[in-house]
Every structure is written in structure tokens, then in C-alpha cells.
N, C-alpha and C. Protein backbone atom coordinates (compact mmCIF):
# COMPACT_ATOMS: atom_id res chain seq x y z
N MET A 1 22.11 -18.72 8.52
CA MET A 1 20.92 -18.25 8.82
C MET A 1 19.94 -18.72 7.70
N LEU A 2 18.78 -19.38 7.61
CA LEU A 2 17.90 -19.79 6.58
C LEU A 2 16.57 -19.24 7.19
N LEU A 3 15.66 -18.95 6.09
CA LEU A 3 14.38 -18.58 6.45
C LEU A 3 13.22 -19.66 5.89
N ARG A 4 12.26 -20.13 6.87
CA ARG A 4 11.46 -21.02 6.31
C ARG A 4 10.13 -20.91 7.06
N ASP A 5 9.15 -21.62 6.50
CA ASP A 5 7.70 -21.54 7.26
C ASP A 5 8.02 -22.37 8.67
N PHE A 6 7.05 -21.84 9.49
CA PHE A 6 6.99 -22.55 10.46
C PHE A 6 6.42 -23.93 10.67
N GLU A 7 6.82 -24.76 11.56
CA GLU A 7 6.24 -26.06 11.57
C GLU A 7 5.71 -26.40 13.17
N ALA A 8 4.78 -27.36 13.23
CA ALA A 8 4.01 -27.57 14.57
C ALA A 8 5.08 -27.70 15.52
N SER A 9 6.40 -28.31 15.37
CA SER A 9 7.31 -28.48 16.29
C SER A 9 8.17 -27.33 16.90
N ASP A 10 7.50 -26.27 16.56
CA ASP A 10 8.55 -24.89 16.72
C ASP A 10 8.01 -24.22 18.11
N THR A 11 7.18 -24.92 18.82
CA THR A 11 6.45 -24.15 19.95
C THR A 11 7.83 -23.60 20.87
N ASP A 12 8.68 -24.56 21.17
CA ASP A 12 9.72 -24.01 21.99
C ASP A 12 10.67 -23.03 21.52
N GLY A 13 11.12 -22.94 20.14
CA GLY A 13 11.43 -21.92 19.69
C GLY A 13 10.73 -20.64 19.59
N VAL A 14 9.24 -20.50 19.52
CA VAL A 14 8.74 -19.46 19.39
C VAL A 14 8.72 -18.94 20.81
N LEU A 15 8.39 -19.83 21.75
CA LEU A 15 8.56 -19.60 23.25
C LEU A 15 9.92 -18.47 23.62
N SER A 16 10.84 -19.32 23.01
CA SER A 16 12.06 -18.42 23.42
C SER A 16 12.28 -17.11 22.90
N ILE A 17 11.39 -16.75 22.03
CA ILE A 17 11.62 -15.45 21.66
C ILE A 17 10.24 -14.44 22.18
N VAL A 18 9.07 -15.18 22.25
CA VAL A 18 7.86 -14.13 22.55
C VAL A 18 7.72 -14.36 24.14
N GLY A 19 8.55 -15.23 24.67
CA GLY A 19 8.43 -15.55 26.07
C GLY A 19 9.55 -14.54 27.13
N ASP A 20 10.17 -14.12 26.22
CA ASP A 20 11.74 -13.35 26.86
C ASP A 20 11.49 -11.85 26.81
N GLU A 21 11.42 -11.36 28.12
CA GLU A 21 11.15 -9.97 28.20
C GLU A 21 12.00 -9.12 27.63
N ARG A 22 13.37 -9.74 27.55
CA ARG A 22 14.55 -8.93 26.92
C ARG A 22 14.08 -8.61 25.30
N VAL A 23 13.44 -9.50 24.86
CA VAL A 23 13.05 -9.30 23.20
C VAL A 23 11.64 -8.60 23.23
N THR A 24 10.71 -9.22 24.14
CA THR A 24 9.57 -8.42 23.88
C THR A 24 9.20 -6.98 24.36
N TYR A 25 10.20 -6.54 25.20
CA TYR A 25 10.41 -5.09 25.64
C TYR A 25 10.37 -4.32 24.32
N TRP A 26 10.93 -4.63 23.48
CA TRP A 26 10.92 -3.85 22.17
C TRP A 26 9.86 -4.37 21.05
N LEU A 27 9.04 -5.33 21.38
CA LEU A 27 7.98 -5.43 20.42
C LEU A 27 6.69 -4.88 20.68
N SER A 28 5.68 -5.27 19.79
CA SER A 28 4.34 -4.49 19.88
C SER A 28 3.40 -5.13 21.05
N PHE A 29 4.02 -6.49 21.63
CA PHE A 29 3.27 -7.24 22.49
C PHE A 29 3.88 -7.50 23.73
N ALA A 30 3.35 -7.65 24.83
CA ALA A 30 4.11 -8.38 26.08
C ALA A 30 4.54 -9.64 25.89
N SER A 31 5.45 -9.95 26.73
CA SER A 31 5.85 -11.43 26.90
C SER A 31 4.72 -12.46 27.00
N ARG A 32 4.74 -13.50 26.27
CA ARG A 32 3.77 -14.65 26.13
C ARG A 32 4.18 -15.70 26.96
N ASP A 33 3.23 -16.55 27.69
CA ASP A 33 3.56 -17.65 28.26
C ASP A 33 3.38 -18.74 27.48
N ARG A 34 3.77 -20.24 27.75
CA ARG A 34 3.73 -21.40 26.74
C ARG A 34 2.47 -21.49 26.02
N ALA A 35 1.22 -21.38 26.60
CA ALA A 35 -0.07 -21.50 26.23
C ALA A 35 -0.40 -20.47 25.11
N GLU A 36 0.17 -19.14 25.32
CA GLU A 36 0.05 -18.02 24.46
C GLU A 36 0.89 -18.08 23.11
N ALA A 37 2.03 -18.64 23.51
CA ALA A 37 3.04 -18.93 22.30
C ALA A 37 2.51 -20.06 21.28
N GLN A 38 1.95 -21.06 22.04
CA GLN A 38 1.52 -22.18 21.34
C GLN A 38 0.05 -21.50 20.42
N SER A 39 -0.54 -20.60 20.85
CA SER A 39 -1.76 -20.27 20.26
C SER A 39 -1.33 -19.40 19.15
N MET A 40 -0.18 -18.54 19.52
CA MET A 40 0.44 -17.75 18.37
C MET A 40 1.00 -18.77 17.02
N LEU A 41 1.48 -19.72 17.53
CA LEU A 41 2.17 -20.61 16.55
C LEU A 41 0.92 -21.19 15.73
N ASP A 42 -0.25 -21.42 16.46
CA ASP A 42 -1.40 -22.54 15.71
C ASP A 42 -1.85 -21.47 14.76
N GLY A 43 -1.94 -20.19 15.07
CA GLY A 43 -2.47 -19.03 14.20
C GLY A 43 -1.52 -18.93 12.82
N ILE A 44 -0.39 -18.73 13.06
CA ILE A 44 0.73 -18.69 12.02
C ILE A 44 0.42 -19.93 11.17
N LEU A 45 0.56 -21.15 11.80
CA LEU A 45 0.41 -22.34 11.01
C LEU A 45 -0.90 -22.39 10.04
N LYS A 46 -2.16 -21.67 10.61
CA LYS A 46 -3.34 -21.85 9.94
C LYS A 46 -3.07 -20.69 8.91
N ARG A 47 -2.50 -19.52 8.95
CA ARG A 47 -2.44 -18.48 7.95
C ARG A 47 -1.57 -18.96 6.89
N GLN A 48 -0.66 -19.74 7.06
CA GLN A 48 0.35 -20.23 6.07
C GLN A 48 -0.48 -21.18 5.01
N LEU A 49 -1.53 -21.78 5.45
CA LEU A 49 -2.21 -22.50 4.43
C LEU A 49 -3.32 -21.58 3.56
N GLU A 50 -3.53 -20.20 3.97
CA GLU A 50 -4.36 -19.61 3.32
C GLU A 50 -3.83 -19.38 1.68
N THR A 51 -4.93 -19.14 0.80
CA THR A 51 -4.52 -18.98 -0.67
C THR A 51 -5.45 -17.94 -1.03
N PRO A 52 -5.12 -16.59 -1.64
CA PRO A 52 -3.52 -16.26 -1.14
C PRO A 52 -3.36 -16.01 0.25
N ARG A 53 -2.11 -15.94 0.32
CA ARG A 53 -1.48 -15.72 1.83
C ARG A 53 -1.84 -14.32 2.33
N SER A 54 -2.07 -14.02 3.80
CA SER A 54 -2.22 -12.65 4.12
C SER A 54 -1.17 -12.12 4.71
N GLU A 55 -0.11 -13.03 5.15
CA GLU A 55 1.11 -12.98 5.48
C GLU A 55 2.11 -13.96 5.37
N TYR A 56 3.19 -13.55 5.21
CA TYR A 56 4.71 -14.39 5.29
C TYR A 56 5.32 -14.29 6.66
N TYR A 57 4.86 -15.16 7.57
CA TYR A 57 5.52 -15.22 9.06
C TYR A 57 6.40 -16.28 8.97
N LEU A 58 7.82 -16.02 8.94
CA LEU A 58 8.70 -17.11 8.61
C LEU A 58 9.64 -17.23 9.91
N ALA A 59 10.17 -18.46 10.02
CA ALA A 59 10.82 -18.55 11.12
C ALA A 59 12.51 -18.52 10.48
N ILE A 60 13.15 -17.60 11.58
CA ILE A 60 14.46 -17.35 11.19
C ILE A 60 15.29 -18.78 11.83
N ALA A 61 16.02 -19.59 11.14
CA ALA A 61 16.56 -20.66 11.74
C ALA A 61 18.03 -21.03 11.60
N ASP A 62 18.75 -21.57 12.27
CA ASP A 62 20.20 -21.77 12.32
C ASP A 62 20.52 -22.73 11.04
N SER A 63 21.60 -22.11 10.12
CA SER A 63 21.79 -22.61 9.10
C SER A 63 22.39 -24.36 9.44
N ASP A 64 23.21 -24.34 10.51
CA ASP A 64 23.52 -25.72 11.00
C ASP A 64 22.72 -26.53 11.86
N SER A 65 21.44 -25.89 11.95
CA SER A 65 20.55 -26.73 12.97
C SER A 65 19.22 -26.25 12.50
N PRO A 66 18.59 -26.31 11.28
CA PRO A 66 17.35 -25.80 10.76
C PRO A 66 16.31 -26.05 11.61
N GLU A 67 16.37 -26.99 12.39
CA GLU A 67 14.93 -27.28 13.28
C GLU A 67 15.22 -26.02 14.50
N THR A 68 16.26 -25.53 14.80
CA THR A 68 16.38 -24.50 15.92
C THR A 68 15.80 -23.10 15.34
N VAL A 69 14.62 -22.68 15.93
CA VAL A 69 14.34 -21.34 15.59
C VAL A 69 14.90 -20.33 16.48
N ILE A 70 15.56 -19.40 15.72
CA ILE A 70 16.36 -18.24 16.29
C ILE A 70 15.76 -16.95 16.29
N GLY A 71 14.61 -16.91 15.36
CA GLY A 71 13.75 -15.52 15.53
C GLY A 71 12.83 -15.73 14.44
N PHE A 72 12.27 -14.57 14.08
CA PHE A 72 10.89 -14.63 13.01
C PHE A 72 11.00 -13.23 12.26
N VAL A 73 10.60 -13.33 11.00
CA VAL A 73 10.56 -11.93 10.28
C VAL A 73 9.14 -12.22 9.36
N ARG A 74 8.57 -11.20 9.37
CA ARG A 74 7.00 -11.08 9.00
C ARG A 74 6.73 -9.90 7.78
N LEU A 75 6.01 -10.39 6.99
CA LEU A 75 5.55 -9.52 6.08
C LEU A 75 4.20 -9.50 6.17
N GLY A 76 3.18 -8.76 6.67
CA GLY A 76 1.88 -8.56 6.86
C GLY A 76 1.16 -7.92 5.58
N LEU A 77 0.64 -8.44 4.69
CA LEU A 77 0.02 -8.04 3.51
C LEU A 77 -1.33 -7.19 3.87
N GLY A 78 -1.30 -6.07 3.23
CA GLY A 78 -2.47 -5.34 3.52
C GLY A 78 -2.37 -3.95 2.51
N GLY A 79 -3.65 -3.55 2.27
CA GLY A 79 -3.65 -2.29 1.21
C GLY A 79 -3.36 -2.94 -0.01
N VAL A 80 -2.95 -1.99 -0.96
CA VAL A 80 -2.74 -2.15 -2.30
C VAL A 80 -1.23 -2.35 -2.42
N LYS A 81 -0.64 -3.33 -2.72
CA LYS A 81 0.59 -3.76 -2.94
C LYS A 81 1.45 -3.38 -1.93
N ALA A 82 1.06 -3.53 -0.50
CA ALA A 82 1.88 -3.06 0.51
C ALA A 82 1.82 -4.17 1.77
N ALA A 83 2.96 -4.03 2.34
CA ALA A 83 3.14 -4.91 3.49
C ALA A 83 3.74 -4.14 4.62
N ASP A 84 3.24 -4.69 6.15
CA ASP A 84 4.04 -4.30 7.11
C ASP A 84 5.31 -5.38 7.55
N LEU A 85 6.31 -4.76 7.88
CA LEU A 85 7.52 -5.81 8.45
C LEU A 85 7.67 -5.72 9.64
N GLY A 86 7.70 -6.80 10.27
CA GLY A 86 8.19 -7.02 11.52
C GLY A 86 9.22 -8.32 11.81
N TYR A 87 10.09 -8.07 12.85
CA TYR A 87 11.11 -9.23 13.17
C TYR A 87 11.62 -9.07 14.65
N ALA A 88 12.10 -10.21 14.84
CA ALA A 88 12.70 -10.64 16.27
C ALA A 88 13.55 -11.57 16.39
N LEU A 89 14.73 -11.60 17.02
CA LEU A 89 15.54 -12.55 17.25
C LEU A 89 15.89 -12.80 18.67
N ARG A 90 16.09 -14.31 18.97
CA ARG A 90 16.31 -14.49 20.42
C ARG A 90 17.35 -13.68 20.83
N HIS A 91 17.24 -13.32 22.28
CA HIS A 91 18.38 -12.48 22.88
C HIS A 91 19.73 -12.83 22.56
N GLU A 92 20.09 -14.09 22.70
CA GLU A 92 21.58 -14.55 22.65
C GLU A 92 21.99 -14.69 21.08
N TRP A 93 21.03 -14.47 20.03
CA TRP A 93 21.50 -14.43 18.84
C TRP A 93 21.55 -12.86 18.01
N GLN A 94 21.21 -11.92 18.96
CA GLN A 94 21.35 -10.48 18.55
C GLN A 94 22.52 -9.97 18.22
N GLY A 95 22.76 -9.07 17.67
CA GLY A 95 24.24 -8.35 17.28
C GLY A 95 25.21 -9.08 16.29
N ARG A 96 24.50 -10.05 15.82
CA ARG A 96 25.37 -10.53 14.78
C ARG A 96 25.14 -10.55 13.13
N GLY A 97 24.24 -9.64 13.09
CA GLY A 97 23.88 -9.39 11.21
C GLY A 97 22.79 -10.27 11.01
N ILE A 98 22.25 -11.06 11.76
CA ILE A 98 21.21 -11.99 11.44
C ILE A 98 19.88 -11.17 10.99
N ALA A 99 19.43 -10.34 11.98
CA ALA A 99 18.22 -9.65 11.74
C ALA A 99 18.40 -8.96 10.34
N ARG A 100 19.60 -8.36 9.89
CA ARG A 100 19.76 -7.53 8.76
C ARG A 100 19.80 -8.65 7.81
N ALA A 101 20.27 -9.64 7.68
CA ALA A 101 20.24 -10.66 6.67
C ALA A 101 18.67 -11.22 6.20
N ALA A 102 17.95 -11.39 7.42
CA ALA A 102 16.79 -11.79 7.38
C ALA A 102 15.95 -11.01 6.60
N VAL A 103 16.05 -9.78 7.13
CA VAL A 103 15.02 -8.35 6.59
C VAL A 103 15.50 -8.27 5.22
N SER A 104 16.89 -8.33 4.76
CA SER A 104 16.99 -7.86 3.73
C SER A 104 16.47 -8.96 2.60
N ARG A 105 16.49 -10.27 2.98
CA ARG A 105 15.99 -11.44 2.15
C ARG A 105 14.36 -11.05 2.03
N MET A 106 13.45 -10.76 3.14
CA MET A 106 12.32 -10.43 3.01
C MET A 106 11.82 -9.32 2.29
N ILE A 107 12.68 -8.22 2.13
CA ILE A 107 12.47 -7.19 1.40
C ILE A 107 12.47 -7.51 0.05
N GLU A 108 13.59 -8.32 -0.55
CA GLU A 108 13.85 -9.01 -1.91
C GLU A 108 12.41 -9.65 -2.01
N PHE A 109 12.24 -10.50 -1.30
CA PHE A 109 10.95 -11.30 -1.62
C PHE A 109 9.68 -10.39 -1.84
N GLY A 110 9.52 -9.57 -1.00
CA GLY A 110 8.41 -8.80 -0.96
C GLY A 110 8.14 -7.73 -2.19
N PHE A 111 9.48 -7.06 -2.84
CA PHE A 111 9.45 -6.27 -4.09
C PHE A 111 9.61 -7.43 -5.27
N GLY A 112 10.53 -8.52 -5.25
CA GLY A 112 10.63 -9.30 -6.37
C GLY A 112 9.57 -10.14 -6.43
N ASP A 113 9.58 -11.15 -5.44
CA ASP A 113 8.54 -12.20 -5.67
C ASP A 113 7.08 -11.75 -5.61
N LEU A 114 6.81 -11.04 -4.60
CA LEU A 114 5.28 -10.66 -4.26
C LEU A 114 5.13 -9.53 -5.07
N GLY A 115 5.93 -8.56 -6.00
CA GLY A 115 5.39 -7.44 -6.68
C GLY A 115 4.82 -6.10 -5.79
N LEU A 116 5.42 -6.15 -4.40
CA LEU A 116 4.96 -5.08 -3.62
C LEU A 116 5.55 -3.71 -3.94
N HIS A 117 4.59 -2.73 -3.53
CA HIS A 117 5.12 -1.38 -4.01
C HIS A 117 5.60 -0.58 -2.69
N ARG A 118 5.31 -1.07 -1.47
CA ARG A 118 5.47 -0.24 -0.27
C ARG A 118 5.64 -1.19 0.87
N LEU A 119 6.81 -0.92 1.77
CA LEU A 119 7.03 -1.94 3.01
C LEU A 119 6.95 -0.80 4.19
N THR A 120 6.34 -1.19 5.03
CA THR A 120 6.34 -0.06 6.37
C THR A 120 7.07 -1.15 7.52
N ALA A 121 7.70 -0.42 8.41
CA ALA A 121 8.13 -0.87 9.68
C ALA A 121 7.82 0.41 10.71
N ASN A 122 6.97 -0.29 11.72
CA ASN A 122 6.75 0.80 12.89
C ASN A 122 7.56 0.37 14.15
N ILE A 123 8.61 1.07 14.69
CA ILE A 123 9.59 0.79 15.72
C ILE A 123 9.34 1.61 16.76
N GLY A 124 9.44 0.94 17.99
CA GLY A 124 9.45 1.79 19.33
C GLY A 124 10.49 2.91 19.15
N PRO A 125 10.16 4.10 20.02
CA PRO A 125 11.05 5.17 19.58
C PRO A 125 12.67 4.66 20.45
N GLN A 126 12.47 3.89 21.60
CA GLN A 126 13.97 3.67 22.12
C GLN A 126 14.59 2.35 21.47
N ASN A 127 14.08 1.92 20.32
CA ASN A 127 14.87 0.73 19.81
C ASN A 127 15.71 1.11 18.71
N THR A 128 16.72 2.19 19.23
CA THR A 128 17.83 2.53 18.11
C THR A 128 18.28 1.62 17.20
N ALA A 129 18.58 0.41 17.75
CA ALA A 129 19.28 -0.65 16.97
C ALA A 129 18.38 -1.01 15.72
N SER A 130 17.15 -1.29 15.93
CA SER A 130 16.17 -1.79 15.04
C SER A 130 15.90 -0.22 13.88
N MET A 131 16.13 0.61 14.42
CA MET A 131 15.74 1.90 13.39
C MET A 131 16.99 1.94 12.43
N ARG A 132 18.20 1.97 13.21
CA ARG A 132 19.44 1.75 12.40
C ARG A 132 19.40 0.71 11.43
N LEU A 133 18.86 -0.27 11.71
CA LEU A 133 18.83 -1.55 10.74
C LEU A 133 18.03 -1.16 9.54
N VAL A 134 17.01 -0.65 10.10
CA VAL A 134 16.01 -0.43 8.79
C VAL A 134 16.48 0.91 7.72
N GLU A 135 17.12 1.78 8.48
CA GLU A 135 17.67 3.07 7.67
C GLU A 135 18.73 2.34 6.87
N SER A 136 19.68 1.43 7.32
CA SER A 136 20.82 1.03 6.60
C SER A 136 20.23 0.36 5.56
N LEU A 137 18.87 -0.25 5.28
CA LEU A 137 18.48 -0.92 4.30
C LEU A 137 17.60 -0.04 3.44
N GLY A 138 17.57 1.23 3.77
CA GLY A 138 17.05 2.44 2.55
C GLY A 138 15.65 2.78 3.03
N PHE A 139 15.25 2.08 4.26
CA PHE A 139 14.04 2.68 4.81
C PHE A 139 14.11 4.44 5.16
N GLN A 140 13.04 5.06 4.82
CA GLN A 140 12.91 6.45 5.26
C GLN A 140 11.95 6.83 6.21
N ARG A 141 12.47 7.55 7.34
CA ARG A 141 11.44 7.84 8.40
C ARG A 141 10.51 8.87 7.96
N GLU A 142 9.18 8.35 8.47
CA GLU A 142 8.17 9.12 8.06
C GLU A 142 7.56 10.17 9.29
N GLY A 143 7.42 9.43 10.36
CA GLY A 143 7.02 10.36 11.53
C GLY A 143 6.98 9.45 12.73
N THR A 144 6.29 10.03 13.72
CA THR A 144 5.86 9.27 14.99
C THR A 144 4.31 8.98 15.01
N ILE A 145 3.97 7.92 15.30
CA ILE A 145 2.45 7.34 15.36
C ILE A 145 2.21 7.32 16.87
N ARG A 146 1.45 8.40 17.34
CA ARG A 146 1.27 8.31 18.81
C ARG A 146 0.42 7.67 19.54
N ASP A 147 0.83 6.92 20.77
CA ASP A 147 0.07 5.85 21.18
C ASP A 147 -0.32 4.80 20.21
N HIS A 148 0.52 4.28 19.43
CA HIS A 148 0.41 3.31 18.74
C HIS A 148 -0.02 1.73 19.02
N VAL A 149 0.58 1.53 20.10
CA VAL A 149 0.62 0.00 20.55
C VAL A 149 0.33 0.15 22.11
N HIS A 150 -0.12 -0.74 22.50
CA HIS A 150 -0.61 -0.89 24.21
C HIS A 150 0.09 -2.12 24.46
N THR A 151 1.21 -1.97 25.15
CA THR A 151 1.91 -3.25 25.64
C THR A 151 2.61 -2.78 26.78
N ASN A 152 2.98 -4.07 27.71
CA ASN A 152 3.53 -4.01 29.11
C ASN A 152 2.74 -3.03 29.87
N GLY A 153 1.38 -3.02 29.65
CA GLY A 153 0.69 -1.89 30.55
C GLY A 153 0.55 -0.43 30.44
N ALA A 154 1.16 -0.05 29.23
CA ALA A 154 1.27 1.20 28.91
C ALA A 154 1.07 1.52 27.47
N TRP A 155 0.59 2.67 26.97
CA TRP A 155 0.77 3.14 25.54
C TRP A 155 2.03 3.60 25.19
N ARG A 156 2.36 2.95 23.67
CA ARG A 156 3.69 3.47 23.31
C ARG A 156 3.58 3.99 21.79
N ASP A 157 4.35 4.89 21.66
CA ASP A 157 4.48 5.39 20.31
C ASP A 157 5.29 4.71 19.51
N SER A 158 5.27 4.75 18.13
CA SER A 158 6.11 4.03 17.03
C SER A 158 6.57 4.96 16.04
N VAL A 159 7.74 4.83 15.67
CA VAL A 159 8.47 5.61 14.63
C VAL A 159 8.00 4.61 13.31
N SER A 160 7.26 5.48 12.22
CA SER A 160 7.01 4.58 11.26
C SER A 160 8.21 5.09 10.02
N PHE A 161 8.53 3.92 9.36
CA PHE A 161 9.47 4.17 8.25
C PHE A 161 8.78 3.45 7.13
N SER A 162 9.15 3.61 5.91
CA SER A 162 8.62 2.97 4.72
C SER A 162 9.83 2.97 3.93
N LEU A 163 9.81 1.87 2.87
CA LEU A 163 10.58 1.79 1.96
C LEU A 163 9.70 1.47 0.49
N LEU A 164 9.81 2.07 -0.69
CA LEU A 164 9.28 1.94 -1.80
C LEU A 164 10.00 1.18 -2.95
N GLU A 165 9.37 0.48 -3.88
CA GLU A 165 10.12 -0.51 -4.46
C GLU A 165 11.00 0.16 -5.37
N GLY A 166 11.05 1.29 -5.71
CA GLY A 166 12.21 2.09 -6.61
C GLY A 166 13.11 2.41 -5.69
N GLU A 167 13.21 2.51 -4.56
CA GLU A 167 14.38 2.87 -3.68
C GLU A 167 15.17 1.73 -3.22
N TRP A 168 14.65 0.39 -3.32
CA TRP A 168 15.09 -0.79 -2.95
C TRP A 168 16.48 -1.14 -3.79
N GLN A 169 17.71 -1.36 -3.20
CA GLN A 169 18.84 -1.63 -3.99
C GLN A 169 19.09 -3.12 -3.83
N PRO A 170 18.67 -3.98 -4.82
CA PRO A 170 19.02 -5.56 -4.20
C PRO A 170 20.45 -5.71 -3.99
N ALA A 171 20.69 -6.61 -3.42
CA ALA A 171 22.08 -7.14 -2.87
C ALA A 171 22.64 -7.54 -4.26
N ALA A 172 24.02 -7.42 -4.49
CA ALA A 172 24.71 -7.83 -5.61
C ALA A 172 24.71 -9.51 -5.41
N VAL A 173 24.63 -10.15 -6.40
CA VAL A 173 24.73 -11.59 -6.35
C VAL A 173 26.16 -12.13 -6.45
């Protein structure tokens, strides 16, 4: 697994994530068609060029095939030294520890390289696997945000988690 900036040729990889209802069921948006996936990628590519960057939306790629997008991980910068964390993997790549490794690297990047103080992750209440993942990395449950996102035709709550820079335990080298 490696993290890299998205490239213009990543449309199929993006679509394999955001076009799959088995994946987007857990996300804050409904499945997207090819045109919507392309539009999403175009926005990511545009924001990659910002100085300073407002987000780090990175492709999770297969180490053996770096052009193959298997997921994404995102830090959306906002507030004072704060960012929102998001991530998703293609359905067939889930359950292998890849999301945990990618999120761990992004946390290290956020606190180490970007000098952030706080990370937040908002997760759907039925997404127990994702909640376990962030809790295993030290995030603390803060509470429920009622009717937080409108997705798949309905309002959905989110469970909010946070991690502060002083709570982060970097991985041993």
C-alpha cells in the first residue's frame, strides 16, 4: 500500500470506489456515476494545486501496481490547526488492514508534517468496523451529531471522534 496524489488517469479507480453502493453505503454521499466520479476527480486535481492546500485527498494505491487506485484517504483542513479525516477502500480490498495503515500514515502526516492539533472523524452509527478502526488508533468518541448528512435519500446521524496531537502515539520505526 502506498499513498500518492491523484492523477488525471485515475477516473476508473475513483469510480470503483464512489460508484459501488457496497462502499458508499457507509460514506456521507450516495453512489456516483462516471460523470460524477470524473467531476469529483477534477475537483481533487484542482485542489491539489492550491497553495496552501485546503485538503490532502490522496489515492491509496497497490504497492505492486501504483497506478491501481484501491481507496482514498483525506484530511480536509479547517479551523485552527484542525482537519477532518475521511477514507474509503474498494470493496474487494477491505478487511486487510489497508485502511488502518493509510489512516495511520495520514495521522502521522497531519500531526508531524502539518503541525495539526486536532483531527476529527465523523462515522455513520452502523459502521462499527470504521469506529473500531479509529478507536484502535487512539480517537475518542465525542458524541452523536444528529441528522448530520443527507445521503441515499435520508438524513443520517454521525458519531464524532477526535484525536489530539498529544494523544497520538507514532508508530515505532
